[in-house]
């Protein structure tokens, strides 16, 4: 690796914001693929952001040898199974919230992460919000 993480983003709705965030840190990340069930949306994002590869199937990204990280920005009900798929493919997984719909799914993700040797990284950008602050009071 040349010091950068090579990233694929799945889900080109909120995933657009993720692409822009990665691209704002070019020393650390390079977005090399996007994926969306809506091929036209994926192609539009790829063209707008100079991303070389487009897919409509997460399995395609999982097979890409040059990806280090797959960022899951799909509908919530898909998160747990897709993160497991990403980890099983030997990639790190970033995942929009919620990462899972039950404690059982969380336990399964913890096990999948341990077995893969990769990291599952759920997003929780509200950790400094007033609600969380009140919980700790």
Protein backbone atom coordinates (compact mmCIF):
# COMPACT_ATOMS: atom_id res chain seq x y z
CA UNK A 1 0.00 0.00 0.00
CA UNK A 2 1.29 3.49 -0.86
CA UNK A 3 0.05 5.07 2.36
CA UNK A 4 -3.48 5.61 1.11
CA UNK A 5 -6.52 3.50 1.76
CA UNK A 6 -8.32 2.62 -1.46
CA UNK A 7 -12.06 2.89 -0.91
CA UNK A 8 -15.25 1.69 -2.55
CA UNK A 9 -18.53 3.33 -1.55
CA UNK A 10 -21.77 1.36 -1.73
CA UNK A 11 -24.93 3.46 -1.88
CA UNK A 12 -24.74 6.72 -3.80
CA UNK A 13 -27.37 8.60 -1.80
CA UNK A 14 -25.71 9.55 1.49
CA UNK A 15 -22.63 7.90 0.00
CA UNK A 16 -22.09 11.09 -2.02
CA UNK A 17 -21.18 12.90 1.20
CA UNK A 18 -18.80 10.07 2.09
CA UNK A 19 -17.10 10.31 -1.31
CA UNK A 20 -16.59 14.05 -0.85
CA UNK A 21 -15.20 13.51 2.65
CA UNK A 22 -12.71 10.90 1.43
CA UNK A 23 -11.70 13.11 -1.47
CA UNK A 24 -11.07 16.01 0.92
CA UNK A 25 -8.28 13.86 2.44
CA UNK A 26 -6.32 12.80 -0.66
CA UNK A 27 -3.17 11.94 1.31
CA UNK A 28 -5.11 9.26 3.19
CA UNK A 29 -7.85 8.01 0.85
CA UNK A 30 -8.52 7.32 -2.80
CA UNK A 31 -12.05 6.45 -3.88
CA UNK A 32 -11.63 3.95 -6.70
CA UNK A 33 -15.16 2.53 -7.03
CA UNK A 34 -18.80 3.31 -6.35
CA UNK A 35 -21.72 0.94 -6.29
CA UNK A 36 -25.47 1.49 -6.32
CA UNK A 37 -28.49 -0.56 -7.35
CA UNK A 38 -29.35 2.43 -9.56
CA UNK A 39 -26.58 2.30 -12.17
CA UNK A 40 -27.38 5.77 -13.52
CA UNK A 41 -26.94 7.29 -10.05
CA UNK A 42 -23.63 5.45 -9.58
CA UNK A 43 -22.38 6.55 -13.00
CA UNK A 44 -23.37 10.17 -12.33
CA UNK A 45 -21.45 10.22 -9.04
CA UNK A 46 -18.44 8.51 -10.61
CA UNK A 47 -18.37 11.03 -13.45
CA UNK A 48 -18.78 14.03 -11.14
CA UNK A 49 -16.01 12.84 -8.81
CA UNK A 50 -13.60 11.20 -11.30
CA UNK A 51 -14.05 7.71 -9.84
CA UNK A 52 -12.84 5.07 -12.29
CA UNK A 53 -15.12 2.11 -11.54
CA UNK A 54 -18.87 1.66 -11.23
CA UNK A 55 -20.86 -1.39 -10.19
CA UNK A 56 -24.39 -2.33 -9.25
CA UNK A 57 -23.34 -5.32 -7.13
CA UNK A 58 -21.52 -5.28 -3.78
CA UNK A 59 -20.03 -8.68 -4.63
CA UNK A 60 -18.12 -6.98 -7.47
CA UNK A 61 -16.49 -4.58 -5.03
CA UNK A 62 -15.71 -7.43 -2.65
CA UNK A 63 -13.78 -9.14 -5.45
CA UNK A 64 -11.66 -6.05 -6.24
CA UNK A 65 -8.16 -6.89 -5.03
CA UNK A 66 -7.07 -3.26 -4.87
CA UNK A 67 -9.77 -2.13 -2.40
CA UNK A 68 -8.85 -1.80 1.27
CA UNK A 69 -12.12 -0.37 2.59
CA UNK A 70 -15.75 -0.67 1.57
CA UNK A 71 -18.04 2.01 2.96
CA UNK A 72 -21.63 0.76 3.33
CA UNK A 73 -24.18 3.56 2.81
CA UNK A 74 -27.18 1.45 1.86
CA UNK A 75 -30.63 1.16 3.48
CA UNK A 76 -30.39 0.23 7.18
CA UNK A 77 -31.89 -3.24 6.87
CA UNK A 78 -28.96 -4.27 4.64
CA UNK A 79 -26.14 -3.03 6.88
CA UNK A 80 -25.41 -6.08 9.05
CA UNK A 81 -25.39 -8.60 6.20
CA UNK A 82 -23.38 -6.33 3.91
CA UNK A 83 -20.76 -5.59 6.57
CA UNK A 84 -20.41 -9.34 7.11
CA UNK A 85 -19.96 -9.78 3.34
CA UNK A 86 -17.29 -7.06 3.25
CA UNK A 87 -15.39 -8.53 6.20
CA UNK A 88 -15.57 -12.03 4.71
CA UNK A 89 -13.99 -10.60 1.54
CA UNK A 90 -11.00 -9.39 3.56
CA UNK A 91 -11.83 -5.69 3.47
CA UNK A 92 -12.29 -3.15 6.25
CA UNK A 93 -15.92 -1.99 6.56
CA UNK A 94 -17.20 1.49 7.35
CA UNK A 95 -20.94 1.46 7.93
CA UNK A 96 -23.61 4.12 8.20
CA UNK A 97 -25.84 3.92 11.23
CA UNK A 98 -27.48 1.86 12.44
CA UNK A 99 -24.96 -0.90 11.87
CA UNK A 100 -27.47 -3.57 12.91
CA UNK A 101 -31.06 -4.06 13.93
CA UNK A 102 -30.52 -6.25 16.99
CA UNK A 103 -27.99 -7.25 19.63
CA UNK A 104 -27.82 -10.67 17.97
CA UNK A 105 -26.65 -9.03 14.73
CA UNK A 106 -24.09 -6.99 16.67
CA UNK A 107 -22.75 -10.19 18.24
CA UNK A 108 -22.51 -11.75 14.78
CA UNK A 109 -20.62 -8.71 13.47
CA UNK A 110 -18.20 -8.82 16.40
CA UNK A 111 -17.51 -12.47 15.60
CA UNK A 112 -17.16 -11.78 11.85
CA UNK A 113 -14.74 -8.93 12.54
CA UNK A 114 -12.61 -11.11 14.84
CA UNK A 115 -12.49 -13.92 12.27
CA UNK A 116 -11.63 -11.59 9.39
CA UNK A 117 -8.74 -9.74 10.98
CA UNK A 118 -10.22 -6.55 9.52
CA UNK A 119 -12.11 -3.69 11.18
CA UNK A 120 -15.82 -2.90 11.21
CA UNK A 121 -16.24 0.84 11.81
CA UNK A 122 -19.80 2.06 12.41
CA UNK A 123 -20.48 5.77 12.04
CA UNK A 124 -21.71 7.65 15.08
CA UNK A 125 -21.25 11.33 14.39
CA UNK A 126 -23.59 12.51 17.16
CA UNK A 127 -21.31 11.47 20.03
CA UNK A 128 -20.81 15.11 21.04
CA UNK A 129 -24.49 16.11 20.73
CA UNK A 130 -26.64 17.30 23.61
CA UNK A 131 -28.53 14.01 23.92
CA UNK A 132 -25.38 11.97 24.47
CA UNK A 133 -24.04 14.59 26.85
CA UNK A 134 -27.21 14.31 28.95
CA UNK A 135 -26.76 10.53 29.14
CA UNK A 136 -23.35 10.93 30.75
CA UNK A 137 -24.53 13.51 33.29
